[in-house]
Each structure stands twice: as structure tokens, then as C-alpha cells.
N, C-alpha and C. Protein backbone atom coordinates (compact mmCIF):
# COMPACT_ATOMS: atom_id res chain seq x y z
N MET A 1 -41.09 28.19 -78.64
CA MET A 1 -42.14 27.45 -77.97
C MET A 1 -43.29 28.26 -77.86
N THR A 2 -44.49 27.78 -78.14
CA THR A 2 -45.84 28.67 -77.95
C THR A 2 -46.29 28.54 -76.59
N ALA A 3 -46.98 29.53 -76.23
CA ALA A 3 -47.52 29.63 -74.61
C ALA A 3 -48.02 28.38 -74.25
N ASN A 4 -49.16 27.91 -75.16
CA ASN A 4 -49.82 26.48 -75.03
C ASN A 4 -49.02 25.27 -74.71
N SER A 5 -47.77 25.27 -75.32
CA SER A 5 -46.96 24.02 -75.08
C SER A 5 -45.95 23.99 -74.15
N ARG A 6 -46.16 24.76 -73.28
CA ARG A 6 -45.40 24.99 -71.86
C ARG A 6 -46.24 24.17 -70.76
N THR A 7 -45.39 23.24 -70.15
CA THR A 7 -45.70 22.62 -69.04
C THR A 7 -45.04 22.77 -67.72
N ALA A 8 -45.91 23.07 -66.90
CA ALA A 8 -45.33 23.32 -65.39
C ALA A 8 -45.54 22.12 -64.53
N LEU A 9 -44.66 22.22 -63.58
CA LEU A 9 -44.62 21.06 -62.65
C LEU A 9 -44.65 21.80 -61.20
N VAL A 10 -45.93 21.85 -60.34
CA VAL A 10 -46.04 22.16 -58.97
C VAL A 10 -45.52 21.29 -57.90
N VAL A 11 -44.62 21.38 -56.97
CA VAL A 11 -44.60 20.56 -56.11
C VAL A 11 -44.87 21.40 -54.63
N GLU A 12 -45.90 20.98 -53.92
CA GLU A 12 -46.30 21.47 -52.71
C GLU A 12 -47.17 20.50 -51.86
N ASP A 13 -46.90 20.43 -50.70
CA ASP A 13 -47.66 19.62 -49.66
C ASP A 13 -48.67 20.28 -49.13
N ASN A 14 -48.99 21.67 -49.51
CA ASN A 14 -50.46 22.08 -48.85
C ASN A 14 -51.25 22.52 -50.14
N MET A 15 -52.24 21.76 -49.95
CA MET A 15 -53.10 21.80 -51.20
C MET A 15 -53.82 22.96 -51.65
N ILE A 16 -53.91 23.83 -50.65
CA ILE A 16 -54.65 25.36 -50.94
C ILE A 16 -53.47 26.07 -51.66
N ILE A 17 -52.36 25.99 -50.95
CA ILE A 17 -51.21 26.77 -51.90
C ILE A 17 -50.76 26.18 -53.18
N ALA A 18 -51.00 24.85 -53.21
CA ALA A 18 -50.72 24.02 -54.60
C ALA A 18 -51.67 24.45 -55.63
N MET A 19 -53.04 24.56 -55.15
CA MET A 19 -54.12 25.17 -56.00
C MET A 19 -53.77 26.55 -56.60
N GLU A 20 -53.64 27.40 -55.86
CA GLU A 20 -53.31 28.88 -55.95
C GLU A 20 -51.98 28.80 -57.05
N ALA A 21 -51.00 27.96 -56.63
CA ALA A 21 -49.89 28.13 -57.63
C ALA A 21 -50.17 27.76 -59.05
N GLU A 22 -50.88 26.46 -59.19
CA GLU A 22 -51.51 26.44 -60.41
C GLU A 22 -52.35 27.40 -61.00
N GLU A 23 -52.81 28.08 -60.47
CA GLU A 23 -53.77 29.03 -60.98
C GLU A 23 -52.79 30.02 -61.27
N ILE A 24 -52.03 30.62 -60.65
CA ILE A 24 -50.97 31.38 -61.04
C ILE A 24 -50.24 31.10 -62.37
N LEU A 25 -49.67 29.74 -62.28
CA LEU A 25 -49.02 29.42 -63.59
C LEU A 25 -49.91 29.41 -64.79
N ARG A 26 -51.10 28.96 -64.69
CA ARG A 26 -51.89 28.95 -65.85
C ARG A 26 -52.16 30.42 -66.38
N ASP A 27 -52.31 31.21 -65.36
CA ASP A 27 -52.34 32.63 -65.69
C ASP A 27 -51.14 33.37 -66.47
N LEU A 28 -49.97 32.70 -66.42
CA LEU A 28 -48.75 32.98 -66.86
C LEU A 28 -48.41 32.24 -68.10
N GLY A 29 -49.63 31.54 -68.49
CA GLY A 29 -49.44 30.75 -69.89
C GLY A 29 -48.97 29.28 -69.79
N TYR A 30 -48.85 28.67 -68.67
CA TYR A 30 -48.77 27.22 -68.71
C TYR A 30 -49.92 26.48 -69.00
N ALA A 31 -50.20 26.08 -70.04
CA ALA A 31 -51.54 25.50 -70.27
C ALA A 31 -51.84 24.04 -69.72
N ASP A 32 -50.45 23.32 -69.17
CA ASP A 32 -50.85 22.22 -68.57
C ASP A 32 -49.97 22.14 -67.18
N CYS A 33 -50.40 21.75 -66.42
CA CYS A 33 -49.72 22.01 -64.82
C CYS A 33 -50.01 20.46 -64.17
N HIS A 34 -48.99 20.25 -63.73
CA HIS A 34 -48.91 18.76 -62.95
C HIS A 34 -48.55 19.16 -61.58
N VAL A 35 -49.51 18.71 -60.62
CA VAL A 35 -49.25 19.23 -59.37
C VAL A 35 -49.16 17.83 -58.44
N CYS A 36 -48.12 17.92 -57.38
CA CYS A 36 -48.01 16.82 -56.78
C CYS A 36 -47.34 17.28 -55.30
N SER A 37 -47.30 16.29 -54.36
CA SER A 37 -46.80 16.77 -52.92
C SER A 37 -45.83 15.94 -52.32
N SER A 38 -45.22 15.22 -53.30
CA SER A 38 -43.99 14.31 -52.87
C SER A 38 -43.03 13.97 -53.94
N VAL A 39 -41.79 13.67 -53.14
CA VAL A 39 -40.59 13.33 -54.22
C VAL A 39 -40.77 12.54 -55.23
N ARG A 40 -41.31 11.42 -54.93
CA ARG A 40 -41.41 10.24 -55.50
C ARG A 40 -42.52 10.44 -56.81
N SER A 41 -43.71 11.24 -56.42
CA SER A 41 -44.57 11.68 -57.37
C SER A 41 -43.85 12.46 -58.52
N ALA A 42 -43.05 13.74 -58.04
CA ALA A 42 -42.53 14.45 -58.79
C ALA A 42 -41.67 13.89 -59.60
N LEU A 43 -40.62 12.90 -59.21
CA LEU A 43 -39.79 12.36 -60.24
C LEU A 43 -40.50 11.56 -61.23
N GLN A 44 -41.66 10.97 -60.88
CA GLN A 44 -42.20 10.23 -61.94
C GLN A 44 -42.74 11.08 -62.95
N ILE A 45 -43.56 12.27 -62.51
CA ILE A 45 -43.85 13.33 -63.38
C ILE A 45 -42.80 13.79 -64.32
N ILE A 46 -41.68 13.96 -63.95
CA ILE A 46 -40.78 14.58 -64.69
C ILE A 46 -40.25 13.41 -65.49
N GLU A 47 -39.99 12.14 -65.27
CA GLU A 47 -39.67 11.28 -65.92
C GLU A 47 -40.54 11.07 -67.33
N ASP A 48 -42.10 11.34 -66.98
CA ASP A 48 -43.29 10.63 -67.91
C ASP A 48 -43.72 12.11 -68.81
N ASN A 49 -43.27 13.29 -68.23
CA ASN A 49 -43.65 14.42 -69.23
C ASN A 49 -42.58 15.43 -69.60
N PRO A 50 -42.67 16.25 -70.37
CA PRO A 50 -41.89 17.20 -70.94
C PRO A 50 -42.03 18.52 -70.00
N ILE A 51 -41.60 18.59 -68.75
CA ILE A 51 -41.76 19.92 -67.95
C ILE A 51 -40.78 20.83 -68.43
N THR A 52 -41.49 22.15 -68.74
CA THR A 52 -40.67 23.34 -69.07
C THR A 52 -40.20 24.26 -67.91
N PHE A 53 -41.02 23.97 -66.92
CA PHE A 53 -40.81 24.91 -65.72
C PHE A 53 -41.21 24.29 -64.48
N ALA A 54 -40.50 24.27 -63.39
CA ALA A 54 -41.15 23.90 -61.94
C ALA A 54 -40.89 25.00 -60.82
N LEU A 55 -41.93 24.79 -60.03
CA LEU A 55 -42.14 25.66 -58.74
C LEU A 55 -42.36 24.61 -57.69
N LEU A 56 -40.85 24.48 -56.80
CA LEU A 56 -40.75 23.42 -55.72
C LEU A 56 -40.93 24.15 -54.20
N ASP A 57 -41.72 23.65 -53.57
CA ASP A 57 -41.64 23.89 -52.28
C ASP A 57 -40.52 23.33 -51.58
N MET A 58 -39.78 23.90 -50.76
CA MET A 58 -38.33 23.52 -50.51
C MET A 58 -38.58 22.31 -49.39
N ASP A 59 -39.70 22.70 -48.60
CA ASP A 59 -39.86 21.76 -47.32
C ASP A 59 -41.40 21.18 -47.63
N LEU A 60 -41.04 19.57 -47.73
CA LEU A 60 -42.45 18.84 -48.03
C LEU A 60 -42.63 18.04 -47.06
N GLY A 61 -42.55 18.66 -45.63
CA GLY A 61 -42.69 17.76 -44.45
C GLY A 61 -41.77 16.94 -44.16
N THR A 62 -41.64 15.79 -44.48
CA THR A 62 -40.66 14.80 -44.03
C THR A 62 -39.70 14.69 -45.00
N GLU A 63 -39.60 15.42 -45.98
CA GLU A 63 -38.54 15.56 -47.19
C GLU A 63 -38.31 16.74 -47.62
N THR A 64 -37.25 17.07 -48.31
CA THR A 64 -37.00 18.38 -49.27
C THR A 64 -37.25 18.05 -50.69
N SER A 65 -37.19 19.04 -51.41
CA SER A 65 -37.12 18.90 -52.71
C SER A 65 -35.90 18.78 -53.53
N GLU A 66 -35.10 18.56 -52.60
CA GLU A 66 -33.45 18.50 -53.23
C GLU A 66 -33.40 17.55 -54.44
N ASP A 67 -33.72 16.62 -54.15
CA ASP A 67 -33.86 15.28 -55.57
C ASP A 67 -34.29 15.80 -56.59
N ILE A 68 -35.47 16.56 -56.42
CA ILE A 68 -36.42 16.84 -57.67
C ILE A 68 -35.45 17.92 -58.36
N ALA A 69 -35.02 19.05 -57.44
CA ALA A 69 -34.33 20.18 -58.18
C ALA A 69 -33.09 19.25 -58.86
N THR A 70 -32.49 18.32 -58.23
CA THR A 70 -31.39 17.85 -58.93
C THR A 70 -31.65 17.10 -60.17
N SER A 71 -32.68 16.39 -60.21
CA SER A 71 -33.19 16.01 -61.63
C SER A 71 -33.78 16.50 -62.61
N LEU A 72 -34.17 17.99 -61.99
CA LEU A 72 -34.68 19.00 -63.06
C LEU A 72 -33.59 19.77 -63.64
N GLN A 73 -32.40 19.81 -62.91
CA GLN A 73 -31.08 20.33 -63.28
C GLN A 73 -30.48 19.38 -64.60
N ALA A 74 -30.40 18.26 -64.15
CA ALA A 74 -29.72 17.14 -65.04
C ALA A 74 -30.54 17.34 -66.50
N LYS A 75 -31.94 17.72 -66.40
CA LYS A 75 -32.52 17.71 -67.50
C LYS A 75 -32.45 19.17 -68.23
N GLY A 76 -31.85 20.16 -67.59
CA GLY A 76 -31.77 21.23 -68.18
C GLY A 76 -33.31 22.23 -68.01
N THR A 77 -33.98 21.83 -67.00
CA THR A 77 -35.25 22.29 -66.85
C THR A 77 -35.13 23.58 -65.55
N PRO A 78 -35.78 24.84 -66.39
CA PRO A 78 -35.54 25.87 -65.05
C PRO A 78 -36.57 25.73 -63.95
N PHE A 79 -36.13 26.04 -62.85
CA PHE A 79 -37.11 25.85 -61.74
C PHE A 79 -36.80 26.92 -60.83
N ILE A 80 -37.84 27.16 -59.97
CA ILE A 80 -37.21 28.10 -58.62
C ILE A 80 -37.91 27.32 -57.37
N PHE A 81 -37.61 27.78 -56.05
CA PHE A 81 -37.74 27.20 -55.07
C PHE A 81 -38.91 28.11 -54.43
N ALA A 82 -39.88 27.48 -53.40
CA ALA A 82 -40.73 28.35 -52.50
C ALA A 82 -40.45 28.01 -51.22
N SER A 83 -40.41 28.82 -50.39
CA SER A 83 -40.49 28.33 -49.04
C SER A 83 -41.15 29.50 -48.08
N GLY A 84 -41.82 29.02 -46.98
CA GLY A 84 -42.54 29.76 -45.92
C GLY A 84 -41.50 30.03 -44.88
N TYR A 85 -40.14 29.83 -44.87
CA TYR A 85 -39.45 29.99 -43.78
C TYR A 85 -38.21 30.95 -44.10
N ASP A 86 -37.96 31.79 -42.83
CA ASP A 86 -36.77 32.67 -43.32
C ASP A 86 -35.41 32.06 -43.60
N GLU A 87 -35.13 30.78 -42.98
CA GLU A 87 -34.10 29.99 -43.05
C GLU A 87 -34.57 28.88 -43.92
N PHE A 88 -33.49 28.79 -44.96
CA PHE A 88 -33.73 27.54 -45.93
C PHE A 88 -33.24 26.18 -45.56
N PRO A 89 -33.57 25.14 -45.91
CA PRO A 89 -32.89 24.06 -45.57
C PRO A 89 -31.55 23.88 -46.45
N GLU A 90 -30.66 23.18 -45.79
CA GLU A 90 -29.17 23.03 -46.26
C GLU A 90 -29.35 22.42 -48.02
N MET A 91 -28.76 22.92 -49.10
CA MET A 91 -28.97 22.39 -50.08
C MET A 91 -27.36 22.40 -50.77
N THR A 92 -27.41 21.28 -51.69
CA THR A 92 -26.23 21.11 -52.37
C THR A 92 -25.57 22.69 -52.79
N GLU A 93 -24.15 22.59 -53.16
CA GLU A 93 -23.78 23.80 -53.46
C GLU A 93 -24.21 24.27 -55.20
N GLU A 94 -24.58 23.27 -56.00
CA GLU A 94 -25.18 23.28 -57.08
C GLU A 94 -26.52 23.94 -57.12
N LEU A 95 -27.08 24.01 -56.01
CA LEU A 95 -28.53 24.65 -55.97
C LEU A 95 -28.84 25.85 -55.21
N THR A 96 -27.49 26.56 -54.83
CA THR A 96 -27.54 27.83 -53.89
C THR A 96 -27.91 28.86 -54.55
N GLY A 97 -27.71 28.94 -55.84
CA GLY A 97 -28.12 30.15 -56.72
C GLY A 97 -29.45 29.92 -57.38
N VAL A 98 -30.38 28.87 -56.91
CA VAL A 98 -31.52 28.82 -57.57
C VAL A 98 -32.57 29.77 -56.95
N PRO A 99 -33.32 30.69 -57.75
CA PRO A 99 -34.37 31.73 -56.93
C PRO A 99 -35.17 31.20 -55.86
N VAL A 100 -35.52 32.10 -54.86
CA VAL A 100 -36.29 31.35 -53.75
C VAL A 100 -37.50 32.62 -53.72
N VAL A 101 -38.62 32.27 -53.84
CA VAL A 101 -39.64 33.08 -53.51
C VAL A 101 -40.47 32.85 -52.35
N SER A 102 -40.80 33.69 -51.35
CA SER A 102 -40.91 33.67 -49.90
C SER A 102 -42.59 33.35 -50.02
N LYS A 103 -43.20 32.56 -49.25
CA LYS A 103 -44.76 32.36 -49.04
C LYS A 103 -45.11 33.37 -48.25
N PRO A 104 -46.39 33.86 -48.18
CA PRO A 104 -46.89 33.96 -49.44
C PRO A 104 -46.64 34.50 -50.53
N TYR A 105 -46.53 34.11 -51.79
CA TYR A 105 -46.34 34.72 -52.84
C TYR A 105 -47.57 34.99 -53.84
N THR A 106 -47.07 35.94 -54.71
CA THR A 106 -48.39 36.34 -55.55
C THR A 106 -47.97 35.89 -56.87
N GLY A 107 -48.50 36.24 -57.91
CA GLY A 107 -48.58 35.92 -59.26
C GLY A 107 -47.12 36.87 -59.66
N SER A 108 -47.19 38.26 -59.44
CA SER A 108 -45.93 39.01 -59.60
C SER A 108 -44.80 38.53 -59.11
N ASP A 109 -44.84 37.83 -57.89
CA ASP A 109 -43.71 37.41 -57.41
C ASP A 109 -43.00 36.31 -58.29
N ILE A 110 -44.02 35.39 -58.67
CA ILE A 110 -43.51 34.21 -59.69
C ILE A 110 -43.21 34.64 -60.87
N ALA A 111 -43.89 35.67 -61.43
CA ALA A 111 -43.50 36.10 -62.91
C ALA A 111 -42.40 36.82 -62.70
N ALA A 112 -41.77 37.55 -61.77
CA ALA A 112 -40.49 38.07 -61.71
C ALA A 112 -39.55 37.08 -61.47
N ALA A 113 -39.74 36.10 -60.73
CA ALA A 113 -38.81 34.99 -60.51
C ALA A 113 -38.60 34.35 -62.14
N ILE A 114 -39.64 34.03 -62.67
CA ILE A 114 -39.51 33.19 -64.13
C ILE A 114 -38.74 34.28 -64.91
N ALA A 115 -39.19 35.48 -64.81
CA ALA A 115 -38.39 36.41 -65.83
C ALA A 115 -36.99 36.38 -65.46
N GLY A 116 -36.41 36.42 -64.14
CA GLY A 116 -35.28 36.36 -63.77
C GLY A 116 -34.69 34.95 -64.20
N LEU A 117 -34.99 34.08 -64.55
CA LEU A 117 -34.56 32.74 -65.19
C LEU A 117 -34.40 33.01 -66.88
N GLY A 118 -35.02 33.98 -67.08
CA GLY A 118 -35.03 34.27 -68.73
C GLY A 118 -35.64 33.37 -69.63
N ILE A 119 -36.91 32.90 -69.24
CA ILE A 119 -37.68 31.86 -69.87
C ILE A 119 -39.25 32.76 -69.74
């Protein structure tokens, strides 16, 4: 897979953080980045696009990104969680081993988490 064929999904309810995450992923070689702030939008993007990596904010205000993560897992799409909290929301057992980067994160944090996934 060439660098410019990689497509990322950023799910983040804070617009400034979402824009920073998009910039980080573009710097890491993700030529196409889809950014959204809700479970519904994310699931539609996953359905309509070949996502190769996703960065999911765990807490989206009134919802969590658990359903998005489950959808990505079913498709075999690698992803990581991001969280601004010391304690993370309860997730299913299948999601307990997913890497989590703490906010505020840097490009190095995201790069290390992606490298840890082997992609």
C-alpha cells in the first residue's frame, strides 16, 4: 500500500483537537482524512470509504466510540483510542487491548501508537 493510498478517520467532538489530529495524520502520510464528531457520521464514513486507520476519541459527549470501534474491528481496520481522562469508559472485553493515547497528544505519540499496531 502506498503512502498516498492510506485513508484515516478521525472521530473527535472538539473541532480544534480534530483539526490538529488531521494535520498529524497528514504529516504521517495519510493523504485522505475523514473527520467527524458523532457515531452516526463515523459509521457512515466507514460504510462509504476504505478506511486504513482510525483515531477515535473515547468520549464523544453524550456517546462513546465503542460502536465505531466494533465496526472497525469487524472490518479488520486498525485504530487507536484517544482520551483526555485518567479513567476510561467501560468498553467490551474485545476492546480492552486497543492502544490509548492521552490528550493532549503529539505527533510522536500518534506515530508511536501506529507503529505499535504494526502499520
